[in-house]
Amino acid sequence: MYCVPRIRRLHPPRRRQKAARLVSIVVRQKRSLQMTSIVVWPNFELDRCPSMWVVGDTRVSFANGSLILEDAAKILGLPLVCREPDQSGFFSRAYFEHSFGYCFAGSTLMGQNSYLSLVPLLSNLVSANRYVPSMSDVANFALKYIRKTFDEYKERVGPSAMFEAAIFGWCRVNNQLEIWHFRPELQNDVYEISLASHVDPQFKDFLYLGDEKQEVERLLRNAFDEIAAPGRPPERSPRRVVDELIADRGRASIGGDQQLAIANQFGFQPYMLLRPRVVGQPQAYMSYLGMELNHENNTVGQAVVGGPGMA
């Protein structure tokens, strides 16, 4: 079950009037905001390696529905690196390395800037006593940063700042799957970022970020309840739901292609998609963010872009 801690008002008195005016703007315009469609859920197909799966679309659009990008990355790996002093006393020896998943919906600038700001900080932690941060430590650290940048950005751009994000994966301290959800909530007439936790999720649990929450969450629950069939395991049903949303041309804010990743005890791993060149035929190609990976764009010097793929 999600638990939301009490949120403290961050606005000083001289900014409260301006913040209150912003709330009325956001409430009036919130329905017109264009977001995305991302699902995070636990998968237990491998008994000894439970994992968090995440799937989303790749479209970014303006609030009026006009297209900006069809190949936007909204699911990213968040590294965690801790270092201790070496023999010379410099914090250069890594004693712990791990990675979680990060995803966002809503304002692309808020979502990407928050991520890009956190990466160099979380990949440069130091400790003289080899402290290993839990996912709770990471999420609460991220909350401090996201709150500050959201408070400043929303006063400049109003409803365009609205977004939500999640950090998910395997916590090596608690030895369990965890999801930490950042979202704006109305607190004392001011929108502020809150943090909700979902620890040790079970089969059929999921977190949805994006548009049309009630409708999409209903589709996800129904998909999990379907009877298993060859090629249609219920454990992977969110992928089918998101694929159908992407294919629905009536949804202006959801589209592009599917982005897929898995986070487990070994860290975060993005997945390529195996797409058939002709439906029903065996020949296939590797795709990432809707782009075919071939000899023209998958080589780095004499190295080749690798990684796992999934049909």
C-alpha atoms as a PDB file:
ATOM      1  CA  MET A   1       0.000   0.000   0.000  1.00  0.00           C
ATOM      2  CA  TYR A   2       1.213   3.490  -0.780  1.00  0.00           C
ATOM      3  CA  CYS A   3       2.057   5.730   2.157  1.00  0.00           C
ATOM      4  CA  VAL A   4       2.400   9.480   1.601  1.00  0.00           C
ATOM      5  CA  PRO A   5       4.408  11.415   4.191  1.00  0.00           C
ATOM      6  CA  ARG A   6       3.209  14.772   5.427  1.00  0.00           C
ATOM      7  CA  ILE A   7       4.386  17.525   3.082  1.00  0.00           C
ATOM      8  CA  ARG A   8       5.657  20.837   4.452  1.00  0.00           C
ATOM      9  CA  ARG A   9       4.798  24.087   2.640  1.00  0.00           C
ATOM     10  CA  LEU A  10       7.923  25.370   0.944  1.00  0.00           C
ATOM     11  CA  HIS A  11       6.705  28.784  -0.187  1.00  0.00           C
ATOM     12  CA  PRO A  12       7.837  31.786   1.907  1.00  0.00           C
ATOM     13  CA  PRO A  13       5.086  34.333   2.747  1.00  0.00           C
ATOM     14  CA  ARG A  14       5.973  36.780  -0.037  1.00  0.00           C
ATOM     15  CA  ARG A  15       5.373  34.060  -2.648  1.00  0.00           C
ATOM     16  CA  ARG A  16       2.113  32.611  -1.323  1.00  0.00           C
ATOM     17  CA  GLN A  17      -0.142  34.980  -3.265  1.00  0.00           C
ATOM     18  CA  LYS A  18       1.617  34.157  -6.500  1.00  0.00           C
ATOM     19  CA  ALA A  19       1.511  30.440  -5.732  1.00  0.00           C
ATOM     20  CA  ALA A  20      -2.203  30.618  -4.950  1.00  0.00           C
ATOM     21  CA  ARG A  21      -2.852  32.265  -8.319  1.00  0.00           C
ATOM     22  CA  LEU A  22      -0.869  29.481  -9.975  1.00  0.00           C
ATOM     23  CA  VAL A  23      -3.112  26.851  -8.389  1.00  0.00           C
ATOM     24  CA  SER A  24      -6.216  28.325 -10.014  1.00  0.00           C
ATOM     25  CA  ILE A  25      -4.423  28.348 -13.387  1.00  0.00           C
ATOM     26  CA  VAL A  26      -3.306  24.743 -13.000  1.00  0.00           C
ATOM     27  CA  VAL A  27      -6.736  23.538 -11.926  1.00  0.00           C
ATOM     28  CA  ARG A  28      -8.381  25.212 -14.921  1.00  0.00           C
ATOM     29  CA  GLN A  29      -5.844  23.910 -17.441  1.00  0.00           C
ATOM     30  CA  LYS A  30      -4.770  20.569 -16.022  1.00  0.00           C
ATOM     31  CA  ARG A  31      -7.106  18.581 -18.283  1.00  0.00           C
ATOM     32  CA  SER A  32      -5.459  20.032 -21.378  1.00  0.00           C
ATOM     33  CA  LEU A  33      -1.962  18.900 -20.405  1.00  0.00           C
ATOM     34  CA  GLN A  34      -0.466  16.224 -22.655  1.00  0.00           C
ATOM     35  CA  MET A  35       1.552  13.550 -20.863  1.00  0.00           C
ATOM     36  CA  THR A  36       2.416   9.985 -21.791  1.00  0.00           C
ATOM     37  CA  SER A  37       1.771   6.378 -20.794  1.00  0.00           C
ATOM     38  CA  ILE A  38       4.203   4.427 -18.562  1.00  0.00           C
ATOM     39  CA  VAL A  39       3.589   1.314 -16.453  1.00  0.00           C
ATOM     40  CA  VAL A  40       5.903  -0.090 -13.756  1.00  0.00           C
ATOM     41  CA  TRP A  41       5.108  -3.538 -12.349  1.00  0.00           C
ATOM     42  CA  PRO A  42       6.764  -6.563 -10.686  1.00  0.00           C
ATOM     43  CA  ASN A  43       7.480  -9.714 -12.659  1.00  0.00           C
ATOM     44  CA  PHE A  44       8.039 -13.108 -10.993  1.00  0.00           C
ATOM     45  CA  GLU A  45       8.506 -15.370 -14.021  1.00  0.00           C
ATOM     46  CA  LEU A  46      12.022 -16.183 -12.741  1.00  0.00           C
ATOM     47  CA  ASP A  47      11.634 -17.496  -9.189  1.00  0.00           C
ATOM     48  CA  ARG A  48      15.151 -16.610  -8.075  1.00  0.00           C
ATOM     49  CA  CYS A  49      15.293 -13.245  -9.818  1.00  0.00           C
ATOM     50  CA  PRO A  50      12.194 -11.095  -9.237  1.00  0.00           C
ATOM     51  CA  SER A  51      12.318  -7.903 -11.241  1.00  0.00           C
ATOM     52  CA  MET A  52      10.585  -4.632 -11.958  1.00  0.00           C
ATOM     53  CA  TRP A  53       9.476  -4.223 -15.552  1.00  0.00           C
ATOM     54  CA  VAL A  54       8.645  -0.881 -17.113  1.00  0.00           C
ATOM     55  CA  VAL A  55       7.095  -0.058 -20.463  1.00  0.00           C
ATOM     56  CA  GLY A  56       6.133   3.261 -21.986  1.00  0.00           C
ATOM     57  CA  ASP A  57       5.512   5.130 -25.200  1.00  0.00           C
ATOM     58  CA  THR A  58       8.020   7.498 -26.840  1.00  0.00           C
ATOM     59  CA  ARG A  59       5.854  10.429 -27.929  1.00  0.00           C
ATOM     60  CA  VAL A  60       6.251  14.024 -26.737  1.00  0.00           C
ATOM     61  CA  SER A  61       3.588  16.543 -27.757  1.00  0.00           C
ATOM     62  CA  PHE A  62       2.472  20.083 -27.046  1.00  0.00           C
ATOM     63  CA  ALA A  63      -0.543  20.700 -24.799  1.00  0.00           C
ATOM     64  CA  ASN A  64      -2.715  21.183 -27.898  1.00  0.00           C
ATOM     65  CA  GLY A  65      -1.774  17.702 -29.137  1.00  0.00           C
ATOM     66  CA  SER A  66       0.629  18.735 -31.891  1.00  0.00           C
ATOM     67  CA  LEU A  67       3.624  16.452 -32.217  1.00  0.00           C
ATOM     68  CA  ILE A  68       7.158  17.280 -31.005  1.00  0.00           C
ATOM     69  CA  LEU A  69       9.019  13.936 -30.895  1.00  0.00           C
ATOM     70  CA  GLU A  70       8.232  10.298 -31.619  1.00  0.00           C
ATOM     71  CA  ASP A  71      11.506   8.878 -30.274  1.00  0.00           C
ATOM     72  CA  ALA A  72      11.759  10.429 -26.805  1.00  0.00           C
ATOM     73  CA  ALA A  73      13.443   8.445 -24.008  1.00  0.00           C
ATOM     74  CA  LYS A  74      11.358   8.561 -20.821  1.00  0.00           C
ATOM     75  CA  ILE A  75      12.773   5.438 -19.119  1.00  0.00           C
ATOM     76  CA  LEU A  76      16.379   5.765 -17.960  1.00  0.00           C
ATOM     77  CA  GLY A  77      18.967   4.076 -15.761  1.00  0.00           C
ATOM     78  CA  LEU A  78      19.884   5.851 -12.509  1.00  0.00           C
ATOM     79  CA  PRO A  79      23.395   4.837 -11.334  1.00  0.00           C
ATOM     80  CA  LEU A  80      24.430   4.625  -7.688  1.00  0.00           C
ATOM     81  CA  VAL A  81      28.196   4.576  -7.021  1.00  0.00           C
ATOM     82  CA  CYS A  82      29.832   4.825  -3.596  1.00  0.00           C
ATOM     83  CA  ARG A  83      33.556   5.354  -3.053  1.00  0.00           C
ATOM     84  CA  GLU A  84      35.888   5.029  -0.084  1.00  0.00           C
ATOM     85  CA  PRO A  85      39.395   6.408   0.513  1.00  0.00           C
ATOM     86  CA  ASP A  86      42.260   4.645  -1.233  1.00  0.00           C
ATOM     87  CA  GLN A  87      45.725   4.235   0.259  1.00  0.00           C
ATOM     88  CA  SER A  88      46.463   7.881  -0.509  1.00  0.00           C
ATOM     89  CA  GLY A  89      43.348   9.099   1.267  1.00  0.00           C
ATOM     90  CA  PHE A  90      41.434  10.097  -1.875  1.00  0.00           C
ATOM     91  CA  PHE A  91      37.869   8.843  -2.341  1.00  0.00           C
ATOM     92  CA  SER A  92      38.639   6.965  -5.541  1.00  0.00           C
ATOM     93  CA  ARG A  93      37.951   3.296  -4.704  1.00  0.00           C
ATOM     94  CA  ALA A  94      34.419   2.160  -5.577  1.00  0.00           C
ATOM     95  CA  TYR A  95      33.038  -0.250  -2.972  1.00  0.00           C
ATOM     96  CA  PHE A  96      29.406  -0.322  -4.127  1.00  0.00           C
ATOM     97  CA  GLU A  97      27.802   0.028  -7.575  1.00  0.00           C
ATOM     98  CA  HIS A  98      24.189  -0.496  -8.514  1.00  0.00           C
ATOM     99  CA  SER A  99      21.519   1.095 -10.707  1.00  0.00           C
ATOM    100  CA  PHE A 100      17.788   1.696 -10.533  1.00  0.00           C
ATOM    101  CA  GLY A 101      15.200   2.643 -13.111  1.00  0.00           C
ATOM    102  CA  TYR A 102      13.853   6.175 -13.479  1.00  0.00           C
ATOM    103  CA  CYS A 103      10.818   7.180 -15.539  1.00  0.00           C
ATOM    104  CA  PHE A 104       8.626  10.252 -15.857  1.00  0.00           C
ATOM    105  CA  ALA A 105       5.418  11.588 -17.366  1.00  0.00           C
ATOM    106  CA  GLY A 106       4.282  15.158 -17.936  1.00  0.00           C
ATOM    107  CA  SER A 107       6.764  17.987 -18.398  1.00  0.00           C
ATOM    108  CA  THR A 108       9.671  16.599 -20.400  1.00  0.00           C
ATOM    109  CA  LEU A 109      11.934  19.425 -19.238  1.00  0.00           C
ATOM    110  CA  MET A 110      11.190  18.727 -15.566  1.00  0.00           C
ATOM    111  CA  GLY A 111      11.523  14.975 -15.997  1.00  0.00           C
ATOM    112  CA  GLN A 112      14.796  15.053 -17.922  1.00  0.00           C
ATOM    113  CA  ASN A 113      16.406  17.905 -15.987  1.00  0.00           C
ATOM    114  CA  SER A 114      15.664  16.219 -12.658  1.00  0.00           C
ATOM    115  CA  TYR A 115      17.258  13.018 -13.944  1.00  0.00           C
ATOM    116  CA  LEU A 116      20.304  14.708 -15.475  1.00  0.00           C
ATOM    117  CA  SER A 117      20.903  16.650 -12.261  1.00  0.00           C
ATOM    118  CA  LEU A 118      20.700  13.563 -10.044  1.00  0.00           C
ATOM    119  CA  VAL A 119      23.022  11.320 -12.096  1.00  0.00           C
ATOM    120  CA  PRO A 120      26.356  13.067 -11.325  1.00  0.00           C
ATOM    121  CA  LEU A 121      25.418  13.375  -7.641  1.00  0.00           C
ATOM    122  CA  LEU A 122      24.324   9.782  -7.051  1.00  0.00           C
ATOM    123  CA  SER A 123      27.275   8.406  -9.004  1.00  0.00           C
ATOM    124  CA  ASN A 124      29.740  10.262  -6.768  1.00  0.00           C
ATOM    125  CA  LEU A 125      28.816   9.316  -3.199  1.00  0.00           C
ATOM    126  CA  VAL A 126      31.621   8.914  -0.660  1.00  0.00           C
ATOM    127  CA  SER A 127      31.775   7.258   2.732  1.00  0.00           C
ATOM    128  CA  ALA A 128      34.656   6.455   5.052  1.00  0.00           C
ATOM    129  CA  ASN A 129      32.696   3.622   6.694  1.00  0.00           C
ATOM    130  CA  ARG A 130      31.402   1.928   3.489  1.00  0.00           C
ATOM    131  CA  TYR A 131      27.782   2.993   3.977  1.00  0.00           C
ATOM    132  CA  VAL A 132      25.365   1.494   1.434  1.00  0.00           C
ATOM    133  CA  PRO A 133      22.308   3.708   0.775  1.00  0.00           C
ATOM    134  CA  SER A 134      18.874   2.085   0.639  1.00  0.00           C
ATOM    135  CA  MET A 135      16.306   2.961  -2.011  1.00  0.00           C
ATOM    136  CA  SER A 136      14.557   5.022   0.654  1.00  0.00           C
ATOM    137  CA  ASP A 137      17.765   7.038   1.102  1.00  0.00           C
ATOM    138  CA  VAL A 138      18.000   7.607  -2.653  1.00  0.00           C
ATOM    139  CA  ALA A 139      14.322   8.538  -3.032  1.00  0.00           C
ATOM    140  CA  ASN A 140      14.332  11.013  -0.155  1.00  0.00           C
ATOM    141  CA  PHE A 141      17.519  12.607  -1.482  1.00  0.00           C
ATOM    142  CA  ALA A 142      15.891  12.940  -4.906  1.00  0.00           C
ATOM    143  CA  LEU A 143      12.761  14.404  -3.309  1.00  0.00           C
ATOM    144  CA  LYS A 144      14.720  17.335  -1.865  1.00  0.00           C
ATOM    145  CA  TYR A 145      16.105  18.238  -5.271  1.00  0.00           C
ATOM    146  CA  ILE A 146      12.891  17.679  -7.238  1.00  0.00           C
ATOM    147  CA  ARG A 147      10.851  19.749  -4.765  1.00  0.00           C
ATOM    148  CA  LYS A 148      13.195  22.700  -5.076  1.00  0.00           C
ATOM    149  CA  THR A 149      13.432  22.734  -8.862  1.00  0.00           C
ATOM    150  CA  PHE A 150       9.670  22.123  -9.250  1.00  0.00           C
ATOM    151  CA  ASP A 151       8.801  25.018  -6.919  1.00  0.00           C
ATOM    152  CA  GLU A 152      10.972  27.413  -8.907  1.00  0.00           C
ATOM    153  CA  TYR A 153       9.936  26.168 -12.350  1.00  0.00           C
ATOM    154  CA  LYS A 154       6.173  26.161 -11.717  1.00  0.00           C
ATOM    155  CA  GLU A 155       6.216  29.881 -10.865  1.00  0.00           C
ATOM    156  CA  ARG A 156       7.747  30.654 -14.255  1.00  0.00           C
ATOM    157  CA  VAL A 157       5.724  28.403 -16.554  1.00  0.00           C
ATOM    158  CA  GLY A 158       2.560  27.566 -14.581  1.00  0.00           C
ATOM    159  CA  PRO A 159       0.797  24.319 -15.577  1.00  0.00           C
ATOM    160  CA  SER A 160       3.549  23.385 -18.032  1.00  0.00           C
ATOM    161  CA  ALA A 161       5.655  22.333 -15.016  1.00  0.00           C
ATOM    162  CA  MET A 162       3.318  19.531 -13.943  1.00  0.00           C
ATOM    163  CA  PHE A 163       4.951  16.100 -14.025  1.00  0.00           C
ATOM    164  CA  GLU A 164       5.374  12.882 -12.077  1.00  0.00           C
ATOM    165  CA  ALA A 165       8.272  10.446 -11.847  1.00  0.00           C
ATOM    166  CA  ALA A 166       9.265   7.129 -10.286  1.00  0.00           C
ATOM    167  CA  ILE A 167      12.434   5.401  -9.123  1.00  0.00           C
ATOM    168  CA  PHE A 168      12.166   1.614  -9.091  1.00  0.00           C
ATOM    169  CA  GLY A 169      14.216  -1.551  -8.848  1.00  0.00           C
ATOM    170  CA  TRP A 170      15.852  -3.890  -6.347  1.00  0.00           C
ATOM    171  CA  CYS A 171      16.960  -2.488  -2.993  1.00  0.00           C
ATOM    172  CA  ARG A 172      20.147  -4.294  -1.962  1.00  0.00           C
ATOM    173  CA  VAL A 173      19.783  -3.084   1.632  1.00  0.00           C
ATOM    174  CA  ASN A 174      16.249  -4.409   2.162  1.00  0.00           C
ATOM    175  CA  ASN A 175      16.562  -7.206  -0.451  1.00  0.00           C
ATOM    176  CA  GLN A 176      13.221  -6.466  -2.063  1.00  0.00           C
ATOM    177  CA  LEU A 177      11.599  -4.762  -5.026  1.00  0.00           C
ATOM    178  CA  GLU A 178      10.562  -1.166  -4.437  1.00  0.00           C
ATOM    179  CA  ILE A 179       8.861   1.715  -6.272  1.00  0.00           C
ATOM    180  CA  TRP A 180       9.106   5.342  -5.152  1.00  0.00           C
ATOM    181  CA  HIS A 181       6.620   7.717  -6.776  1.00  0.00           C
ATOM    182  CA  PHE A 182       7.053  11.509  -7.016  1.00  0.00           C
ATOM    183  CA  ARG A 183       3.890  13.449  -7.868  1.00  0.00           C
ATOM    184  CA  PRO A 184       2.381  16.919  -7.383  1.00  0.00           C
ATOM    185  CA  GLU A 185      -0.305  17.194  -4.706  1.00  0.00           C
ATOM    186  CA  LEU A 186      -2.356  20.145  -3.536  1.00  0.00           C
ATOM    187  CA  GLN A 187      -1.151  21.125  -0.055  1.00  0.00           C
ATOM    188  CA  ASN A 188      -2.661  24.227   1.583  1.00  0.00           C
ATOM    189  CA  ASP A 189      -3.649  25.667  -1.808  1.00  0.00           C
ATOM    190  CA  VAL A 190      -0.175  25.073  -3.275  1.00  0.00           C
ATOM    191  CA  TYR A 191       1.004  22.262  -5.539  1.00  0.00           C
ATOM    192  CA  GLU A 192       4.012  20.505  -4.014  1.00  0.00           C
ATOM    193  CA  ILE A 193       5.856  17.303  -4.854  1.00  0.00           C
ATOM    194  CA  SER A 194       4.993  14.376  -2.565  1.00  0.00           C
ATOM    195  CA  LEU A 195       6.692  11.013  -2.231  1.00  0.00           C
ATOM    196  CA  ALA A 196       4.851   7.692  -2.041  1.00  0.00           C
ATOM    197  CA  SER A 197       6.432   4.280  -1.511  1.00  0.00           C
ATOM    198  CA  HIS A 198       5.340   0.866  -2.727  1.00  0.00           C
ATOM    199  CA  VAL A 199       7.635  -1.765  -1.249  1.00  0.00           C
ATOM    200  CA  ASP A 200       7.621  -5.510  -1.908  1.00  0.00           C
ATOM    201  CA  PRO A 201       4.911  -5.314  -4.633  1.00  0.00           C
ATOM    202  CA  GLN A 202       3.054  -8.490  -5.564  1.00  0.00           C
ATOM    203  CA  PHE A 203       1.629  -9.967  -8.771  1.00  0.00           C
ATOM    204  CA  LYS A 204      -0.986  -7.647 -10.344  1.00  0.00           C
ATOM    205  CA  ASP A 205       0.370  -4.597  -8.507  1.00  0.00           C
ATOM    206  CA  PHE A 206       1.414  -1.748 -10.791  1.00  0.00           C
ATOM    207  CA  LEU A 207       2.098   1.969 -10.939  1.00  0.00           C
ATOM    208  CA  TYR A 208       0.739   3.943 -13.869  1.00  0.00           C
ATOM    209  CA  LEU A 209       2.135   7.350 -14.863  1.00  0.00           C
ATOM    210  CA  GLY A 210       0.444   9.424 -17.523  1.00  0.00           C
ATOM    211  CA  ASP A 211      -2.827  10.306 -19.185  1.00  0.00           C
ATOM    212  CA  GLU A 212      -6.335   8.956 -18.616  1.00  0.00           C
ATOM    213  CA  LYS A 213      -5.441   7.253 -15.343  1.00  0.00           C
ATOM    214  CA  GLN A 214      -8.832   5.770 -14.501  1.00  0.00           C
ATOM    215  CA  GLU A 215      -9.362   4.309 -17.977  1.00  0.00           C
ATOM    216  CA  VAL A 216      -5.833   2.926 -18.397  1.00  0.00           C
ATOM    217  CA  GLU A 217      -5.714   1.505 -14.864  1.00  0.00           C
ATOM    218  CA  ARG A 218      -8.988  -0.307 -15.615  1.00  0.00           C
ATOM    219  CA  LEU A 219      -7.460  -1.743 -18.795  1.00  0.00           C
ATOM    220  CA  LEU A 220      -4.399  -2.899 -16.855  1.00  0.00           C
ATOM    221  CA  ARG A 221      -6.460  -4.632 -14.159  1.00  0.00           C
ATOM    222  CA  ASN A 222      -8.531  -6.408 -16.794  1.00  0.00           C
ATOM    223  CA  ALA A 223      -5.382  -7.491 -18.650  1.00  0.00           C
ATOM    224  CA  PHE A 224      -3.853  -9.007 -15.510  1.00  0.00           C
ATOM    225  CA  ASP A 225      -7.063 -10.984 -14.962  1.00  0.00           C
ATOM    226  CA  GLU A 226      -7.018 -12.551 -18.439  1.00  0.00           C
ATOM    227  CA  ILE A 227      -6.527 -16.296 -18.680  1.00  0.00           C
ATOM    228  CA  ALA A 228      -2.995 -17.163 -19.761  1.00  0.00           C
ATOM    229  CA  ALA A 229      -2.627 -18.213 -23.396  1.00  0.00           C
ATOM    230  CA  PRO A 230       0.383 -19.210 -25.542  1.00  0.00           C
ATOM    231  CA  GLY A 231       2.404 -16.086 -26.199  1.00  0.00           C
ATOM    232  CA  ARG A 232       0.220 -14.017 -23.846  1.00  0.00           C
ATOM    233  CA  PRO A 233       1.443 -14.523 -20.262  1.00  0.00           C
ATOM    234  CA  PRO A 234      -0.458 -12.300 -17.790  1.00  0.00           C
ATOM    235  CA  GLU A 235       2.868 -11.321 -16.219  1.00  0.00           C
ATOM    236  CA  ARG A 236       3.610  -9.289 -19.367  1.00  0.00           C
ATOM    237  CA  SER A 237       0.122  -7.929 -19.994  1.00  0.00           C
ATOM    238  CA  PRO A 238       1.051  -4.230 -19.452  1.00  0.00           C
ATOM    239  CA  ARG A 239       3.139  -4.423 -22.631  1.00  0.00           C
ATOM    240  CA  ARG A 240       0.048  -5.370 -24.627  1.00  0.00           C
ATOM    241  CA  VAL A 241      -1.995  -2.580 -23.059  1.00  0.00           C
ATOM    242  CA  VAL A 242       0.613   0.072 -23.867  1.00  0.00           C
ATOM    243  CA  ASP A 243       1.000  -1.282 -27.413  1.00  0.00           C
ATOM    244  CA  GLU A 244      -2.751  -0.907 -27.931  1.00  0.00           C
ATOM    245  CA  LEU A 245      -2.669   2.654 -26.552  1.00  0.00           C
ATOM    246  CA  ILE A 246       0.181   3.535 -28.923  1.00  0.00           C
ATOM    247  CA  ALA A 247      -1.712   2.079 -31.892  1.00  0.00           C
ATOM    248  CA  ASP A 248      -4.873   4.055 -31.025  1.00  0.00           C
ATOM    249  CA  ARG A 249      -4.711   7.107 -33.293  1.00  0.00           C
ATOM    250  CA  GLY A 250      -7.400   8.792 -31.224  1.00  0.00           C
ATOM    251  CA  ARG A 251      -4.951   9.378 -28.358  1.00  0.00           C
ATOM    252  CA  ALA A 252      -2.890  12.411 -29.329  1.00  0.00           C
ATOM    253  CA  SER A 253      -0.578  12.314 -26.291  1.00  0.00           C
ATOM    254  CA  ILE A 254       0.360   8.605 -26.524  1.00  0.00           C
ATOM    255  CA  GLY A 255       2.255   7.240 -29.509  1.00  0.00           C
ATOM    256  CA  GLY A 256       5.609   6.646 -31.153  1.00  0.00           C
ATOM    257  CA  ASP A 257       6.961   3.233 -30.207  1.00  0.00           C
ATOM    258  CA  GLN A 258       7.374   1.112 -27.103  1.00  0.00           C
ATOM    259  CA  GLN A 259      10.285   1.562 -24.696  1.00  0.00           C
ATOM    260  CA  LEU A 260      11.058  -1.410 -22.445  1.00  0.00           C
ATOM    261  CA  ALA A 261      13.437  -2.007 -19.531  1.00  0.00           C
ATOM    262  CA  ILE A 262      13.930  -4.315 -16.539  1.00  0.00           C
ATOM    263  CA  ALA A 263      15.466  -3.556 -13.131  1.00  0.00           C
ATOM    264  CA  ASN A 264      16.483  -6.338 -10.731  1.00  0.00           C
ATOM    265  CA  GLN A 265      19.199  -7.330  -8.267  1.00  0.00           C
ATOM    266  CA  PHE A 266      21.799  -6.891 -11.020  1.00  0.00           C
ATOM    267  CA  GLY A 267      20.704  -3.331 -11.812  1.00  0.00           C
ATOM    268  CA  PHE A 268      18.850  -1.561 -14.623  1.00  0.00           C
ATOM    269  CA  GLN A 269      18.852  -2.966 -18.165  1.00  0.00           C
ATOM    270  CA  PRO A 270      17.191  -1.373 -21.213  1.00  0.00           C
ATOM    271  CA  TYR A 271      15.814  -3.801 -23.802  1.00  0.00           C
ATOM    272  CA  MET A 272      15.807  -3.550 -27.570  1.00  0.00           C
ATOM    273  CA  LEU A 273      12.673  -4.630 -29.405  1.00  0.00           C
ATOM    274  CA  LEU A 274      12.698  -7.400 -31.982  1.00  0.00           C
ATOM    275  CA  ARG A 275      10.399  -6.314 -34.801  1.00  0.00           C
ATOM    276  CA  PRO A 276       9.428  -8.534 -37.783  1.00  0.00           C
ATOM    277  CA  ARG A 277      10.231  -7.166 -41.206  1.00  0.00           C
ATOM    278  CA  VAL A 278       7.129  -8.938 -42.479  1.00  0.00           C
ATOM    279  CA  VAL A 279       4.457 -10.016 -40.008  1.00  0.00           C
ATOM    280  CA  GLY A 280       4.345 -13.801 -39.864  1.00  0.00           C
ATOM    281  CA  GLN A 281       7.851 -14.196 -41.296  1.00  0.00           C
ATOM    282  CA  PRO A 282      10.936 -15.135 -39.195  1.00  0.00           C
ATOM    283  CA  GLN A 283      13.228 -12.303 -40.310  1.00  0.00           C
ATOM    284  CA  ALA A 284      13.399  -9.516 -37.699  1.00  0.00           C
ATOM    285  CA  TYR A 285      15.415  -6.431 -36.824  1.00  0.00           C
ATOM    286  CA  MET A 286      16.483  -4.715 -33.587  1.00  0.00           C
ATOM    287  CA  SER A 287      14.703  -1.489 -32.735  1.00  0.00           C
ATOM    288  CA  TYR A 288      15.272   1.142 -30.040  1.00  0.00           C
ATOM    289  CA  LEU A 289      12.894   4.102 -29.575  1.00  0.00           C
ATOM    290  CA  GLY A 290      11.387   3.219 -32.936  1.00  0.00           C
ATOM    291  CA  MET A 291      14.750   3.342 -34.742  1.00  0.00           C
ATOM    292  CA  GLU A 292      16.142   0.297 -36.511  1.00  0.00           C
ATOM    293  CA  LEU A 293      19.657  -0.586 -35.354  1.00  0.00           C
ATOM    294  CA  ASN A 294      21.775  -1.696 -38.293  1.00  0.00           C
ATOM    295  CA  HIS A 295      25.323  -1.396 -39.646  1.00  0.00           C
ATOM    296  CA  GLU A 296      24.799   2.321 -40.296  1.00  0.00           C
ATOM    297  CA  ASN A 297      24.040   3.332 -36.700  1.00  0.00           C
ATOM    298  CA  ASN A 298      25.000   0.527 -34.293  1.00  0.00           C
ATOM    299  CA  THR A 299      28.799   0.624 -34.443  1.00  0.00           C
ATOM    300  CA  VAL A 300      31.126   2.574 -32.150  1.00  0.00           C
ATOM    301  CA  GLY A 301      34.533   2.240 -33.746  1.00  0.00           C
ATOM    302  CA  GLN A 302      35.055  -1.522 -33.863  1.00  0.00           C
ATOM    303  CA  ALA A 303      32.489  -2.165 -31.130  1.00  0.00           C
ATOM    304  CA  VAL A 304      28.815  -2.887 -31.796  1.00  0.00           C
ATOM    305  CA  VAL A 305      25.748  -1.834 -29.805  1.00  0.00           C
ATOM    306  CA  GLY A 306      24.629  -4.939 -27.924  1.00  0.00           C
ATOM    307  CA  GLY A 307      22.237  -5.644 -25.099  1.00  0.00           C
ATOM    308  CA  PRO A 308      19.242  -7.945 -24.755  1.00  0.00           C
ATOM    309  CA  GLY A 309      16.156  -7.770 -26.932  1.00  0.00           C
ATOM    310  CA  MET A 310      12.581  -8.956 -26.652  1.00  0.00           C
ATOM    311  CA  ALA A 311       9.857  -9.549 -29.203  1.00  0.00           C
END
